[in-house]
């Protein structure tokens, strides 16, 4: 969406803040032994108490409130009975709807003991998100965001998971424009003030194809390479974008 009035701006700020709070609530509960469904239920209870609904459930009838993915799983992991273990690479992805507005954010959490590979991969994704946001300026094409993300991956020696992109968001979960994590020559949409997009680098430790698990939802690396994911919903404005899902 493109924010055109104060009411829309306030609506997006409210839902973005609640997404950040919900993620923080879930992250505080992360420990070996807790199941992904227990994390999901905790996040759902917290968000629903504030009047929010799950955007993936509303849009796609997703079987969980939030997406929770582990290790080689990249995104769209279905919460269930699996318990977290030491050394896991956990991705928490929360997308909420509140009063007709939607916002999306994700974070990767590393459970100790943390491997060097996981540490370097997670740091690369965080750096890529920061550089992608810095590239998101009015007047630039959306591929400038992807170019910044891809360059960060190359410098870190990790791989961009092709085929998985960020997106516009606001009134619906997935809106135009698509925001690829690489310098896609087809990504010609020009960024403008007020535009709301989700920027979400997704990297793997080794070059990998994205495949779908037998549950019909979870996307993972074909070679079991570790994967990470960080994401913010932002509004384009003069200078640096406004991070609507900032903690």
Protein backbone atom coordinates (compact mmCIF):
# COMPACT_ATOMS: atom_id res chain seq x y z
CA UNK A 1 0.00 0.00 0.00
CA UNK A 2 0.93 3.62 -0.21
CA UNK A 3 0.19 5.62 2.92
CA UNK A 4 -1.70 8.73 1.90
CA UNK A 5 -3.20 10.09 5.14
CA UNK A 6 -2.58 10.23 8.87
CA UNK A 7 -5.19 7.56 9.62
CA UNK A 8 -3.34 5.06 7.41
CA UNK A 9 -0.02 6.05 8.95
CA UNK A 10 -1.34 5.55 12.48
CA UNK A 11 -2.91 2.22 11.50
CA UNK A 12 0.35 0.90 10.09
CA UNK A 13 2.30 2.13 13.10
CA UNK A 14 -0.05 0.32 15.49
CA UNK A 15 0.10 -3.02 13.71
CA UNK A 16 3.86 -2.73 13.18
CA UNK A 17 4.43 -2.07 16.86
CA UNK A 18 2.29 -5.05 17.84
CA UNK A 19 4.21 -7.32 15.46
CA UNK A 20 7.46 -6.25 17.13
CA UNK A 21 5.99 -6.81 20.60
CA UNK A 22 4.67 -10.24 19.66
CA UNK A 23 8.04 -11.30 18.27
CA UNK A 24 9.76 -10.09 21.44
CA UNK A 25 7.26 -12.01 23.59
CA UNK A 26 7.90 -15.22 21.66
CA UNK A 27 11.66 -14.74 21.59
CA UNK A 28 11.77 -14.38 25.37
CA UNK A 29 10.29 -17.89 25.68
CA UNK A 30 12.84 -19.58 23.42
CA UNK A 31 14.73 -22.38 25.20
CA UNK A 32 15.60 -26.01 24.56
CA UNK A 33 12.59 -28.22 25.21
CA UNK A 34 9.82 -25.79 24.30
CA UNK A 35 7.84 -26.92 21.25
CA UNK A 36 7.16 -24.82 18.20
CA UNK A 37 3.42 -25.13 18.86
CA UNK A 38 3.91 -23.78 22.40
CA UNK A 39 5.77 -20.79 20.99
CA UNK A 40 3.03 -20.28 18.43
CA UNK A 41 0.27 -20.47 21.03
CA UNK A 42 2.07 -17.96 23.24
CA UNK A 43 2.39 -15.51 20.36
CA UNK A 44 -1.22 -16.03 19.35
CA UNK A 45 -2.52 -15.39 22.87
CA UNK A 46 -0.43 -12.22 23.16
CA UNK A 47 -1.49 -10.78 19.79
CA UNK A 48 -5.15 -11.74 20.09
CA UNK A 49 -5.35 -10.05 23.48
CA UNK A 50 -4.57 -6.81 21.61
CA UNK A 51 -7.25 -7.45 19.00
CA UNK A 52 -4.99 -8.77 16.24
CA UNK A 53 -5.45 -11.72 13.92
CA UNK A 54 -3.01 -13.92 12.02
CA UNK A 55 -2.56 -12.59 8.48
CA UNK A 56 -1.38 -16.00 7.13
CA UNK A 57 -4.50 -17.64 8.54
CA UNK A 58 -6.78 -14.95 7.11
CA UNK A 59 -5.12 -14.95 3.70
CA UNK A 60 -4.09 -18.56 3.12
CA UNK A 61 -5.76 -20.58 5.90
CA UNK A 62 -2.29 -21.35 7.25
CA UNK A 63 -2.41 -24.05 9.96
CA UNK A 64 -0.49 -21.98 12.54
CA UNK A 65 -0.82 -18.46 13.91
CA UNK A 66 2.79 -17.66 12.99
CA UNK A 67 5.43 -19.33 10.84
CA UNK A 68 8.19 -21.09 12.81
CA UNK A 69 11.07 -22.72 10.93
CA UNK A 70 14.13 -24.65 12.12
CA UNK A 71 17.61 -25.23 10.71
CA UNK A 72 17.31 -26.15 7.00
CA UNK A 73 13.72 -24.88 6.99
CA UNK A 74 13.68 -21.37 5.51
CA UNK A 75 10.15 -19.99 5.88
CA UNK A 76 6.50 -21.00 6.30
CA UNK A 77 7.30 -23.66 8.89
CA UNK A 78 4.17 -25.13 10.49
CA UNK A 79 4.18 -25.09 14.32
CA UNK A 80 3.85 -28.53 15.87
CA UNK A 81 5.18 -30.93 18.51
CA UNK A 82 8.85 -30.58 17.61
CA UNK A 83 10.88 -29.38 20.61
CA UNK A 84 13.74 -26.92 20.25
CA UNK A 85 17.21 -28.34 20.85
CA UNK A 86 20.62 -26.91 21.66
CA UNK A 87 22.31 -25.54 18.56
CA UNK A 88 19.07 -25.01 16.61
CA UNK A 89 18.70 -22.14 14.15
CA UNK A 90 15.18 -20.85 14.77
CA UNK A 91 13.21 -18.48 12.54
CA UNK A 92 10.18 -16.67 14.02
CA UNK A 93 7.99 -14.97 11.40
CA UNK A 94 4.99 -12.96 12.62
CA UNK A 95 2.46 -11.25 10.36
CA UNK A 96 -0.56 -9.63 11.99
CA UNK A 97 -3.76 -7.92 10.91
CA UNK A 98 -5.08 -5.16 13.17
CA UNK A 99 -7.99 -2.89 12.26
CA UNK A 100 -7.59 -3.62 8.55
CA UNK A 101 -3.81 -3.16 8.36
CA UNK A 102 -1.07 -5.79 8.09
CA UNK A 103 2.64 -5.82 8.96
CA UNK A 104 5.29 -8.53 8.77
CA UNK A 105 8.58 -9.15 10.56
CA UNK A 106 10.93 -12.07 11.17
CA UNK A 107 14.00 -12.80 13.25
CA UNK A 108 16.53 -15.62 13.43
CA UNK A 109 17.39 -16.86 16.92
CA UNK A 110 20.45 -19.05 17.54
CA UNK A 111 20.23 -21.49 20.44
CA UNK A 112 23.58 -22.14 22.20
CA UNK A 113 25.98 -23.72 21.64
CA UNK A 114 26.15 -21.76 18.41
CA UNK A 115 28.28 -23.01 15.52
CA UNK A 116 30.62 -20.66 13.67
CA UNK A 117 28.70 -21.38 10.46
CA UNK A 118 25.39 -20.35 12.02
CA UNK A 119 26.92 -17.24 13.58
CA UNK A 120 28.42 -16.01 10.31
CA UNK A 121 25.23 -16.77 8.39
CA UNK A 122 22.99 -14.93 10.85
CA UNK A 123 25.32 -11.93 10.98
CA UNK A 124 25.30 -11.76 7.18
CA UNK A 125 21.49 -11.71 7.06
CA UNK A 126 21.29 -8.97 9.66
CA UNK A 127 23.87 -6.89 7.81
CA UNK A 128 22.02 -7.48 4.53
CA UNK A 129 18.75 -6.30 6.02
CA UNK A 130 20.41 -3.12 7.27
CA UNK A 131 22.04 -2.42 3.90
CA UNK A 132 18.84 -3.27 2.05
CA UNK A 133 16.95 -0.74 4.14
CA UNK A 134 19.64 1.88 3.49
CA UNK A 135 19.14 1.34 -0.25
CA UNK A 136 15.37 1.80 -0.03
CA UNK A 137 15.10 5.46 -1.01
CA UNK A 138 12.48 7.37 -3.03
CA UNK A 139 13.25 7.44 -6.73
CA UNK A 140 15.35 4.28 -6.78
CA UNK A 141 14.22 1.08 -8.43
CA UNK A 142 13.35 -1.80 -6.15
CA UNK A 143 16.25 -3.82 -7.53
CA UNK A 144 18.61 -1.47 -5.67
CA UNK A 145 17.40 -3.12 -2.46
CA UNK A 146 18.11 -6.57 -3.86
CA UNK A 147 21.51 -5.50 -5.15
CA UNK A 148 22.55 -4.35 -1.66
CA UNK A 149 21.36 -7.62 -0.13
CA UNK A 150 23.07 -9.76 -2.76
CA UNK A 151 26.35 -7.87 -2.44
CA UNK A 152 26.32 -8.45 1.33
CA UNK A 153 25.79 -12.18 0.81
CA UNK A 154 28.68 -12.39 -1.64
CA UNK A 155 31.01 -10.53 0.70
CA UNK A 156 30.09 -12.90 3.54
CA UNK A 157 30.47 -16.03 1.40
CA UNK A 158 26.85 -17.15 1.83
CA UNK A 159 24.09 -17.78 -0.69
CA UNK A 160 20.91 -15.88 -1.52
CA UNK A 161 17.92 -18.22 -1.68
CA UNK A 162 16.62 -17.36 -5.14
CA UNK A 163 12.91 -17.39 -5.71
CA UNK A 164 12.05 -16.04 -2.25
CA UNK A 165 11.44 -12.29 -2.09
CA UNK A 166 10.09 -9.47 -0.03
CA UNK A 167 6.84 -7.79 -1.02
CA UNK A 168 4.48 -4.90 -0.68
CA UNK A 169 2.13 -5.07 2.31
CA UNK A 170 -0.47 -3.01 4.11
CA UNK A 171 -4.08 -3.78 3.32
CA UNK A 172 -3.18 -7.30 2.15
CA UNK A 173 -0.40 -9.67 3.14
CA UNK A 174 1.22 -9.76 -0.29
CA UNK A 175 0.94 -6.71 -2.50
CA UNK A 176 3.00 -5.17 -5.30
CA UNK A 177 5.87 -4.65 -5.68
CA UNK A 178 7.88 -7.84 -5.32
CA UNK A 179 11.20 -7.11 -3.58
CA UNK A 180 13.79 -9.69 -4.74
CA UNK A 181 16.89 -10.36 -2.62
CA UNK A 182 19.15 -10.10 -5.65
CA UNK A 183 19.74 -7.58 -8.44
CA UNK A 184 16.83 -8.74 -10.56
CA UNK A 185 16.76 -6.80 -13.86
CA UNK A 186 12.99 -7.32 -13.97
CA UNK A 187 12.48 -5.52 -10.64
CA UNK A 188 11.84 -2.12 -12.23
CA UNK A 189 9.23 -0.73 -9.84
CA UNK A 190 10.34 2.70 -8.65
CA UNK A 191 10.13 3.35 -4.92
CA UNK A 192 8.13 6.39 -3.82
CA UNK A 193 7.29 8.18 -0.58
CA UNK A 194 4.61 6.45 1.47
CA UNK A 195 5.11 3.03 -0.13
CA UNK A 196 5.06 0.17 2.40
CA UNK A 197 7.19 -2.91 1.71
CA UNK A 198 8.58 -5.88 3.60
CA UNK A 199 12.32 -6.41 3.10
CA UNK A 200 13.44 -9.93 4.04
CA UNK A 201 16.87 -11.38 3.24
CA UNK A 202 16.87 -15.20 3.25
CA UNK A 203 20.30 -16.83 3.06
CA UNK A 204 21.73 -20.33 3.21
CA UNK A 205 25.22 -21.41 4.21
CA UNK A 206 25.69 -23.15 0.86
CA UNK A 207 24.05 -22.69 -2.52
CA UNK A 208 20.72 -24.48 -2.37
CA UNK A 209 17.44 -24.91 -4.16
CA UNK A 210 14.21 -24.13 -2.36
CA UNK A 211 11.90 -27.14 -2.02
CA UNK A 212 8.56 -27.68 -0.29
CA UNK A 213 8.21 -30.15 2.56
CA UNK A 214 5.60 -32.90 2.59
CA UNK A 215 3.37 -30.78 4.87
CA UNK A 216 2.59 -28.62 1.83
CA UNK A 217 3.75 -25.40 3.51
CA UNK A 218 7.31 -25.47 4.84
CA UNK A 219 10.03 -24.32 2.44
CA UNK A 220 13.52 -25.71 3.03
CA UNK A 221 16.92 -26.13 1.40
CA UNK A 222 17.24 -29.23 -0.79
CA UNK A 223 20.67 -30.11 0.64
CA UNK A 224 19.86 -29.43 4.32
CA UNK A 225 22.04 -26.34 4.33
CA UNK A 226 21.32 -24.03 7.27
CA UNK A 227 19.03 -21.12 6.44
CA UNK A 228 18.38 -17.75 8.08
CA UNK A 229 15.74 -15.05 7.69
CA UNK A 230 15.42 -11.48 8.96
CA UNK A 231 12.61 -9.09 7.99
CA UNK A 232 11.11 -5.66 8.64
CA UNK A 233 8.12 -3.80 7.27
CA UNK A 234 9.12 -0.28 6.27
CA UNK A 235 7.63 2.91 4.83
CA UNK A 236 9.61 4.72 2.15
CA UNK A 237 10.23 8.38 2.96
CA UNK A 238 12.83 11.05 2.31
CA UNK A 239 16.13 9.87 3.69
CA UNK A 240 16.13 6.59 5.58
CA UNK A 241 12.93 4.55 5.54
CA UNK A 242 10.76 4.32 8.65
CA UNK A 243 10.92 0.83 10.19
CA UNK A 244 7.33 0.16 11.19
CA UNK A 245 8.18 -3.14 12.92
CA UNK A 246 11.13 -1.80 14.95
CA UNK A 247 11.30 -3.12 18.51
